[in-house]
C-alpha atoms as a PDB file:
ATOM      1  CA  MET A   1      29.978  -1.915  -2.850  1.00  0.00           C
ATOM      2  CA  ILE A   2      28.666  -3.046  -6.219  1.00  0.00           C
ATOM      3  CA  ILE A   3      26.509  -6.137  -6.303  1.00  0.00           C
ATOM      4  CA  GLN A   4      28.364  -8.292  -8.815  1.00  0.00           C
ATOM      5  CA  ASN A   5      27.126 -11.821  -8.273  1.00  0.00           C
ATOM      6  CA  VAL A   6      23.428 -11.910  -9.033  1.00  0.00           C
ATOM      7  CA  LEU A   7      21.358 -15.032  -8.534  1.00  0.00           C
ATOM      8  CA  THR A   8      19.624 -15.804 -11.832  1.00  0.00           C
ATOM      9  CA  GLY A   9      17.694 -18.645 -13.396  1.00  0.00           C
ATOM     10  CA  LYS A  10      14.508 -20.370 -12.340  1.00  0.00           C
ATOM     11  CA  ARG A  11      16.415 -23.516 -11.387  1.00  0.00           C
ATOM     12  CA  ASN A  12      18.651 -21.653  -8.924  1.00  0.00           C
ATOM     13  CA  PHE A  13      15.669 -19.883  -7.367  1.00  0.00           C
ATOM     14  CA  ASP A  14      13.779 -23.172  -7.010  1.00  0.00           C
ATOM     15  CA  ILE A  15      16.747 -24.782  -5.254  1.00  0.00           C
ATOM     16  CA  VAL A  16      16.967 -21.913  -2.754  1.00  0.00           C
ATOM     17  CA  TYR A  17      13.195 -21.961  -2.149  1.00  0.00           C
ATOM     18  CA  ARG A  18      12.952 -25.744  -1.724  1.00  0.00           C
ATOM     19  CA  ARG A  19      16.175 -26.649   0.058  1.00  0.00           C
ATOM     20  CA  GLY A  20      17.044 -23.382   1.761  1.00  0.00           C
ATOM     21  CA  LYS A  21      15.840 -21.715   4.929  1.00  0.00           C
ATOM     22  CA  SER A  22      13.772 -18.583   5.336  1.00  0.00           C
ATOM     23  CA  LEU A  23      13.486 -15.791   7.861  1.00  0.00           C
ATOM     24  CA  GLY A  24      11.099 -12.888   8.004  1.00  0.00           C
ATOM     25  CA  ASP A  25      11.518  -9.443   9.418  1.00  0.00           C
ATOM     26  CA  LYS A  26       9.400  -6.302   9.452  1.00  0.00           C
ATOM     27  CA  TYR A  27      10.079  -5.188   5.870  1.00  0.00           C
ATOM     28  CA  VAL A  28      11.819  -8.143   4.181  1.00  0.00           C
ATOM     29  CA  VAL A  29      11.845 -11.915   3.993  1.00  0.00           C
ATOM     30  CA  ILE A  30      15.081 -13.708   3.173  1.00  0.00           C
ATOM     31  CA  PHE A  31      15.617 -17.141   1.703  1.00  0.00           C
ATOM     32  CA  TYR A  32      19.157 -18.474   1.937  1.00  0.00           C
ATOM     33  CA  LYS A  33      21.085 -21.615   1.115  1.00  0.00           C
ATOM     34  CA  LYS A  34      24.749 -22.595   1.096  1.00  0.00           C
ATOM     35  CA  ASN A  35      26.232 -22.846  -2.410  1.00  0.00           C
ATOM     36  CA  ASP A  36      29.362 -24.527  -3.758  1.00  0.00           C
ATOM     37  CA  ILE A  37      30.716 -21.452  -5.530  1.00  0.00           C
ATOM     38  CA  GLY A  38      32.466 -19.800  -2.606  1.00  0.00           C
ATOM     39  CA  SER A  39      30.968 -16.369  -3.251  1.00  0.00           C
ATOM     40  CA  ASN A  40      27.565 -14.924  -2.467  1.00  0.00           C
ATOM     41  CA  ARG A  41      24.849 -14.625  -5.098  1.00  0.00           C
ATOM     42  CA  ILE A  42      22.112 -12.126  -4.272  1.00  0.00           C
ATOM     43  CA  ALA A  43      18.631 -11.440  -5.660  1.00  0.00           C
ATOM     44  CA  PHE A  44      16.094  -8.726  -4.784  1.00  0.00           C
ATOM     45  CA  LEU A  45      12.396  -9.356  -5.438  1.00  0.00           C
ATOM     46  CA  ALA A  46       9.100  -7.553  -4.926  1.00  0.00           C
ATOM     47  CA  SER A  47       5.799  -9.252  -5.736  1.00  0.00           C
ATOM     48  CA  LYS A  48       2.614  -7.610  -6.917  1.00  0.00           C
ATOM     49  CA  LYS A  49       1.425  -7.603  -3.298  1.00  0.00           C
ATOM     50  CA  VAL A  50       3.823  -4.684  -2.766  1.00  0.00           C
ATOM     51  CA  GLY A  51       1.919  -2.562  -5.279  1.00  0.00           C
ATOM     52  CA  ASN A  52       2.157  -1.318  -8.834  1.00  0.00           C
ATOM     53  CA  ALA A  53       5.355  -1.305 -10.896  1.00  0.00           C
ATOM     54  CA  VAL A  54       6.537   2.012  -9.470  1.00  0.00           C
ATOM     55  CA  LYS A  55       6.222   0.762  -5.873  1.00  0.00           C
ATOM     56  CA  ARG A  56       7.848  -2.585  -6.667  1.00  0.00           C
ATOM     57  CA  ASN A  57      10.812  -0.898  -8.364  1.00  0.00           C
ATOM     58  CA  ARG A  58      11.239   1.468  -5.429  1.00  0.00           C
ATOM     59  CA  ALA A  59      11.171  -1.482  -3.019  1.00  0.00           C
ATOM     60  CA  ARG A  60      13.906  -3.255  -5.008  1.00  0.00           C
ATOM     61  CA  ARG A  61      15.996  -0.067  -5.198  1.00  0.00           C
ATOM     62  CA  LEU A  62      15.624   0.425  -1.439  1.00  0.00           C
ATOM     63  CA  MET A  63      16.800  -3.112  -0.704  1.00  0.00           C
ATOM     64  CA  LYS A  64      19.746  -2.822  -3.105  1.00  0.00           C
ATOM     65  CA  GLN A  65      20.877   0.475  -1.589  1.00  0.00           C
ATOM     66  CA  ALA A  66      20.453  -0.843   1.943  1.00  0.00           C
ATOM     67  CA  PHE A  67      22.584  -3.862   1.024  1.00  0.00           C
ATOM     68  CA  ARG A  68      25.279  -1.590  -0.465  1.00  0.00           C
ATOM     69  CA  ASP A  69      25.278   0.518   2.708  1.00  0.00           C
ATOM     70  CA  MET A  70      25.986  -2.503   4.902  1.00  0.00           C
ATOM     71  CA  ASN A  71      29.703  -2.382   5.615  1.00  0.00           C
ATOM     72  CA  ASP A  72      29.751  -5.519   7.709  1.00  0.00           C
ATOM     73  CA  ILE A  73      31.559  -8.672   6.716  1.00  0.00           C
ATOM     74  CA  TYR A  74      29.299 -11.537   5.737  1.00  0.00           C
ATOM     75  CA  LYS A  75      30.017 -15.201   5.340  1.00  0.00           C
ATOM     76  CA  SER A  76      30.703 -16.114   1.742  1.00  0.00           C
ATOM     77  CA  GLY A  77      29.317 -19.007  -0.231  1.00  0.00           C
ATOM     78  CA  TRP A  78      25.583 -18.319   0.112  1.00  0.00           C
ATOM     79  CA  ASP A  79      22.662 -17.793  -2.248  1.00  0.00           C
ATOM     80  CA  ILE A  80      20.416 -15.122  -0.717  1.00  0.00           C
ATOM     81  CA  ILE A  81      17.035 -13.897  -1.938  1.00  0.00           C
ATOM     82  CA  PHE A  82      15.610 -10.714  -0.399  1.00  0.00           C
ATOM     83  CA  ILE A  83      11.850 -10.370  -0.871  1.00  0.00           C
ATOM     84  CA  ALA A  84      10.084  -7.096  -0.062  1.00  0.00           C
ATOM     85  CA  ARG A  85       6.998  -7.213   2.127  1.00  0.00           C
ATOM     86  CA  ASN A  86       4.088  -4.871   1.472  1.00  0.00           C
ATOM     87  CA  THR A  87       5.029  -3.014   4.682  1.00  0.00           C
ATOM     88  CA  ILE A  88       8.117  -1.610   2.896  1.00  0.00           C
ATOM     89  CA  GLU A  89       6.037   1.080   1.186  1.00  0.00           C
ATOM     90  CA  ASP A  90       6.992   4.650   2.240  1.00  0.00           C
ATOM     91  CA  LYS A  91       9.928   3.482   4.369  1.00  0.00           C
ATOM     92  CA  LYS A  92      13.380   5.039   4.434  1.00  0.00           C
ATOM     93  CA  CYS A  93      16.582   3.277   3.451  1.00  0.00           C
ATOM     94  CA  TYR A  94      17.940   3.125   7.004  1.00  0.00           C
ATOM     95  CA  GLN A  95      14.759   1.347   8.163  1.00  0.00           C
ATOM     96  CA  VAL A  96      15.042  -1.267   5.431  1.00  0.00           C
ATOM     97  CA  LYS A  97      18.763  -1.680   6.168  1.00  0.00           C
ATOM     98  CA  LYS A  98      18.030  -2.319   9.838  1.00  0.00           C
ATOM     99  CA  SER A  99      15.425  -4.942   8.920  1.00  0.00           C
ATOM    100  CA  MET A 100      17.780  -6.685   6.476  1.00  0.00           C
ATOM    101  CA  GLU A 101      20.644  -6.709   8.979  1.00  0.00           C
ATOM    102  CA  SER A 102      18.390  -8.170  11.638  1.00  0.00           C
ATOM    103  CA  ALA A 103      17.280 -11.004   9.373  1.00  0.00           C
ATOM    104  CA  LEU A 104      20.847 -11.754   8.248  1.00  0.00           C
ATOM    105  CA  LYS A 105      22.070 -11.764  11.840  1.00  0.00           C
ATOM    106  CA  ARG A 106      19.355 -14.213  12.934  1.00  0.00           C
ATOM    107  CA  GLY A 107      20.209 -16.439   9.967  1.00  0.00           C
ATOM    108  CA  GLY A 108      23.847 -16.629  11.006  1.00  0.00           C
ATOM    109  CA  LEU A 109      25.067 -15.023   7.785  1.00  0.00           C
ATOM    110  CA  LYS A 110      26.817 -12.143   9.546  1.00  0.00           C
ATOM    111  CA  ILE A 111      30.324 -12.670  10.888  1.00  0.00           C
END
């Protein structure tokens, strides 16, 4: 699964942060909000708390791959931001995937 719809633009991020909901899990935090587009827009972030550029890029790659590996059907029409926690360092893809699935399930985004 290729991630086609990417959430971009400061304005869109601000709307999700201010008006959306958030959930945390062991390795990720998600912010999500219903959009009017009808398709999902996804973003993957890692702050400097995660570590240097190499660690932040690895964290983003891990989250992207974990999202691609999820074969479940999700509700469409959502803006979702995945943010890596500093606990993601040295974790395997299946661990990150499990954490992301748990957060999405608790948020009601999984069908």
